[in-house]
């Protein structure tokens, strides 16, 4: 599974929750110049 998250959301708590669920950072994405820099995360499915 893949998702993107703003590392600053919730003072970093949102990113921490996804990491606790097994997601790992694999890169960054900025879909448009006006959007924040997002962290791309990946987790293996069972």
PDB file of N, CA and C in Angstrom:
ATOM      1  N   UNK A   1       0.837  -1.155   0.000  1.00  0.00           N
ATOM      2  CA  UNK A   1       0.000   0.000   0.000  1.00  0.00           C
ATOM      3  C   UNK A   1       0.894   1.235   0.000  1.00  0.00           C
ATOM      4  N   UNK A   2       0.423   2.255  -0.644  1.00  0.00           N
ATOM      5  CA  UNK A   2       1.185   3.483  -0.740  1.00  0.00           C
ATOM      6  C   UNK A   2       0.317   4.644  -0.284  1.00  0.00           C
ATOM      7  N   UNK A   3       0.942   5.628   0.359  1.00  0.00           N
ATOM      8  CA  UNK A   3       0.227   6.839   0.735  1.00  0.00           C
ATOM      9  C   UNK A   3       1.195   8.004   0.750  1.00  0.00           C
ATOM     10  N   UNK A   4       0.650   9.207   0.783  1.00  0.00           N
ATOM     11  CA  UNK A   4       1.473  10.405   0.922  1.00  0.00           C
ATOM     12  C   UNK A   4       0.976  11.170   2.139  1.00  0.00           C
ATOM     13  N   UNK A   5       1.909  11.759   2.866  1.00  0.00           N
ATOM     14  CA  UNK A   5       1.561  12.463   4.092  1.00  0.00           C
ATOM     15  C   UNK A   5       2.416  13.716   4.220  1.00  0.00           C
ATOM     16  N   UNK A   6       1.810  14.740   4.753  1.00  0.00           N
ATOM     17  CA  UNK A   6       2.537  15.958   5.078  1.00  0.00           C
ATOM     18  C   UNK A   6       3.180  15.719   6.442  1.00  0.00           C
ATOM     19  N   UNK A   7       4.518  15.648   6.488  1.00  0.00           N
ATOM     20  CA  UNK A   7       5.211  15.339   7.747  1.00  0.00           C
ATOM     21  C   UNK A   7       4.899  16.343   8.849  1.00  0.00           C
ATOM     22  N   UNK A   8       4.489  17.555   8.482  1.00  0.00           N
ATOM     23  CA  UNK A   8       4.181  18.569   9.478  1.00  0.00           C
ATOM     24  C   UNK A   8       2.768  18.478  10.036  1.00  0.00           C
ATOM     25  N   UNK A   9       1.932  17.641   9.445  1.00  0.00           N
ATOM     26  CA  UNK A   9       0.536  17.532   9.897  1.00  0.00           C
ATOM     27  C   UNK A   9       0.471  17.053  11.337  1.00  0.00           C
ATOM     28  N   UNK A  10      -0.273  17.775  12.142  1.00  0.00           N
ATOM     29  CA  UNK A  10      -0.423  17.388  13.548  1.00  0.00           C
ATOM     30  C   UNK A  10       0.894  17.409  14.298  1.00  0.00           C
ATOM     31  N   UNK A  11       1.770  18.333  13.921  1.00  0.00           N
ATOM     32  CA  UNK A  11       3.098  18.433  14.547  1.00  0.00           C
ATOM     33  C   UNK A  11       3.884  17.131  14.421  1.00  0.00           C
ATOM     34  N   UNK A  12       3.704  16.430  13.306  1.00  0.00           N
ATOM     35  CA  UNK A  12       4.437  15.191  13.053  1.00  0.00           C
ATOM     36  C   UNK A  12       3.751  13.942  13.579  1.00  0.00           C
ATOM     37  N   UNK A  13       2.643  14.109  14.270  1.00  0.00           N
ATOM     38  CA  UNK A  13       1.963  12.949  14.866  1.00  0.00           C
ATOM     39  C   UNK A  13       1.330  12.041  13.814  1.00  0.00           C
ATOM     40  N   UNK A  14       0.822  12.623  12.728  1.00  0.00           N
ATOM     41  CA  UNK A  14       0.200  11.807  11.675  1.00  0.00           C
ATOM     42  C   UNK A  14       1.257  10.892  11.052  1.00  0.00           C
ATOM     43  N   UNK A  15       2.402  11.443  10.734  1.00  0.00           N
ATOM     44  CA  UNK A  15       3.501  10.648  10.168  1.00  0.00           C
ATOM     45  C   UNK A  15       3.911   9.542  11.141  1.00  0.00           C
ATOM     46  N   UNK A  16       3.989   9.866  12.405  1.00  0.00           N
ATOM     47  CA  UNK A  16       4.378   8.878  13.423  1.00  0.00           C
ATOM     48  C   UNK A  16       3.376   7.732  13.509  1.00  0.00           C
ATOM     49  N   UNK A  17       2.097   8.041  13.374  1.00  0.00           N
ATOM     50  CA  UNK A  17       1.071   6.986  13.418  1.00  0.00           C
ATOM     51  C   UNK A  17       1.252   6.032  12.243  1.00  0.00           C
ATOM     52  N   UNK A  18       1.447   6.578  11.041  1.00  0.00           N
ATOM     53  CA  UNK A  18       1.650   5.714   9.874  1.00  0.00           C
ATOM     54  C   UNK A  18       2.899   4.856  10.039  1.00  0.00           C
ATOM     55  N   UNK A  19       3.968   5.418  10.575  1.00  0.00           N
ATOM     56  CA  UNK A  19       5.185   4.629  10.815  1.00  0.00           C
ATOM     57  C   UNK A  19       4.901   3.504  11.811  1.00  0.00           C
ATOM     58  N   UNK A  20       4.101   3.782  12.836  1.00  0.00           N
ATOM     59  CA  UNK A  20       3.775   2.748  13.821  1.00  0.00           C
ATOM     60  C   UNK A  20       2.925   1.639  13.210  1.00  0.00           C
ATOM     61  N   UNK A  21       2.236   1.937  12.114  1.00  0.00           N
ATOM     62  CA  UNK A  21       1.430   0.939  11.415  1.00  0.00           C
ATOM     63  C   UNK A  21       2.256   0.161  10.386  1.00  0.00           C
ATOM     64  N   UNK A  22       3.562   0.433  10.300  1.00  0.00           N
ATOM     65  CA  UNK A  22       4.432  -0.330   9.418  1.00  0.00           C
ATOM     66  C   UNK A  22       4.796   0.344   8.112  1.00  0.00           C
ATOM     67  N   UNK A  23       4.356   1.582   7.892  1.00  0.00           N
ATOM     68  CA  UNK A  23       4.722   2.303   6.673  1.00  0.00           C
ATOM     69  C   UNK A  23       6.152   2.817   6.787  1.00  0.00           C
ATOM     70  N   UNK A  24       6.856   2.841   5.662  1.00  0.00           N
ATOM     71  CA  UNK A  24       8.227   3.342   5.606  1.00  0.00           C
ATOM     72  C   UNK A  24       8.309   4.458   4.578  1.00  0.00           C
ATOM     73  N   UNK A  25       9.119   5.471   4.869  1.00  0.00           N
ATOM     74  CA  UNK A  25       9.352   6.558   3.923  1.00  0.00           C
ATOM     75  C   UNK A  25      10.150   6.022   2.731  1.00  0.00           C
ATOM     76  N   UNK A  26       9.683   6.349   1.507  1.00  0.00           N
ATOM     77  CA  UNK A  26      10.421   5.919   0.324  1.00  0.00           C
ATOM     78  C   UNK A  26      10.779   7.086  -0.591  1.00  0.00           C
ATOM     79  N   UNK A  27      10.274   8.269  -0.313  1.00  0.00           N
ATOM     80  CA  UNK A  27      10.591   9.412  -1.168  1.00  0.00           C
ATOM     81  C   UNK A  27       9.728  10.601  -0.833  1.00  0.00           C
ATOM     82  N   UNK A  28       9.782  11.585  -1.721  1.00  0.00           N
ATOM     83  CA  UNK A  28       9.001  12.795  -1.536  1.00  0.00           C
ATOM     84  C   UNK A  28       8.318  13.162  -2.840  1.00  0.00           C
ATOM     85  N   UNK A  29       7.227  13.911  -2.724  1.00  0.00           N
ATOM     86  CA  UNK A  29       6.471  14.343  -3.891  1.00  0.00           C
ATOM     87  C   UNK A  29       5.902  15.731  -3.623  1.00  0.00           C
ATOM     88  N   UNK A  30       5.847  16.546  -4.667  1.00  0.00           N
ATOM     89  CA  UNK A  30       5.199  17.848  -4.577  1.00  0.00           C
ATOM     90  C   UNK A  30       4.323  17.969  -5.819  1.00  0.00           C
ATOM     91  N   UNK A  31       3.046  17.549  -5.700  1.00  0.00           N
ATOM     92  CA  UNK A  31       2.162  17.480  -6.861  1.00  0.00           C
ATOM     93  C   UNK A  31       2.011  18.783  -7.640  1.00  0.00           C
ATOM     94  N   UNK A  32       2.109  19.915  -6.963  1.00  0.00           N
ATOM     95  CA  UNK A  32       2.038  21.207  -7.637  1.00  0.00           C
ATOM     96  C   UNK A  32       2.915  22.196  -6.877  1.00  0.00           C
ATOM     97  N   UNK A  33       3.308  23.286  -7.525  1.00  0.00           N
ATOM     98  CA  UNK A  33       4.154  24.261  -6.839  1.00  0.00           C
ATOM     99  C   UNK A  33       3.506  24.852  -5.583  1.00  0.00           C
ATOM    100  N   UNK A  34       2.192  24.865  -5.529  1.00  0.00           N
ATOM    101  CA  UNK A  34       1.486  25.433  -4.377  1.00  0.00           C
ATOM    102  C   UNK A  34       1.315  24.439  -3.231  1.00  0.00           C
ATOM    103  N   UNK A  35       1.560  23.171  -3.482  1.00  0.00           N
ATOM    104  CA  UNK A  35       1.355  22.163  -2.443  1.00  0.00           C
ATOM    105  C   UNK A  35       2.603  22.020  -1.578  1.00  0.00           C
ATOM    106  N   UNK A  36       2.421  21.520  -0.354  1.00  0.00           N
ATOM    107  CA  UNK A  36       3.588  21.272   0.488  1.00  0.00           C
ATOM    108  C   UNK A  36       4.361  20.060  -0.021  1.00  0.00           C
ATOM    109  N   UNK A  37       5.578  19.921   0.428  1.00  0.00           N
ATOM    110  CA  UNK A  37       6.378  18.740   0.107  1.00  0.00           C
ATOM    111  C   UNK A  37       5.818  17.574   0.916  1.00  0.00           C
ATOM    112  N   UNK A  38       5.399  16.528   0.230  1.00  0.00           N
ATOM    113  CA  UNK A  38       4.773  15.375   0.876  1.00  0.00           C
ATOM    114  C   UNK A  38       5.737  14.202   0.921  1.00  0.00           C
ATOM    115  N   UNK A  39       5.618  13.395   1.949  1.00  0.00           N
ATOM    116  CA  UNK A  39       6.427  12.190   2.087  1.00  0.00           C
ATOM    117  C   UNK A  39       5.641  11.002   1.548  1.00  0.00           C
ATOM    118  N   UNK A  40       6.237  10.252   0.646  1.00  0.00           N
ATOM    119  CA  UNK A  40       5.621   9.043   0.085  1.00  0.00           C
ATOM    120  C   UNK A  40       6.006   7.885   0.992  1.00  0.00           C
ATOM    121  N   UNK A  41       4.994   7.105   1.394  1.00  0.00           N
ATOM    122  CA  UNK A  41       5.220   5.993   2.313  1.00  0.00           C
ATOM    123  C   UNK A  41       4.686   4.702   1.706  1.00  0.00           C
ATOM    124  N   UNK A  42       5.293   3.594   2.086  1.00  0.00           N
ATOM    125  CA  UNK A  42       4.947   2.289   1.535  1.00  0.00           C
ATOM    126  C   UNK A  42       4.855   1.270   2.648  1.00  0.00           C
ATOM    127  N   UNK A  43       3.904   0.344   2.510  1.00  0.00           N
ATOM    128  CA  UNK A  43       3.768  -0.778   3.456  1.00  0.00           C
ATOM    129  C   UNK A  43       3.402  -2.019   2.677  1.00  0.00           C
ATOM    130  N   UNK A  44       4.052  -3.107   2.982  1.00  0.00           N
ATOM    131  CA  UNK A  44       3.744  -4.367   2.308  1.00  0.00           C
ATOM    132  C   UNK A  44       2.375  -4.872   2.743  1.00  0.00           C
ATOM    133  N   UNK A  45       1.646  -5.488   1.825  1.00  0.00           N
ATOM    134  CA  UNK A  45       0.361  -6.089   2.167  1.00  0.00           C
ATOM    135  C   UNK A  45       0.577  -7.553   2.480  1.00  0.00           C
ATOM    136  N   UNK A  46      -0.343  -8.117   3.195  1.00  0.00           N
ATOM    137  CA  UNK A  46      -0.211  -9.519   3.600  1.00  0.00           C
ATOM    138  C   UNK A  46      -0.941 -10.432   2.669  1.00  0.00           C
TER     139      UNK A  46
END
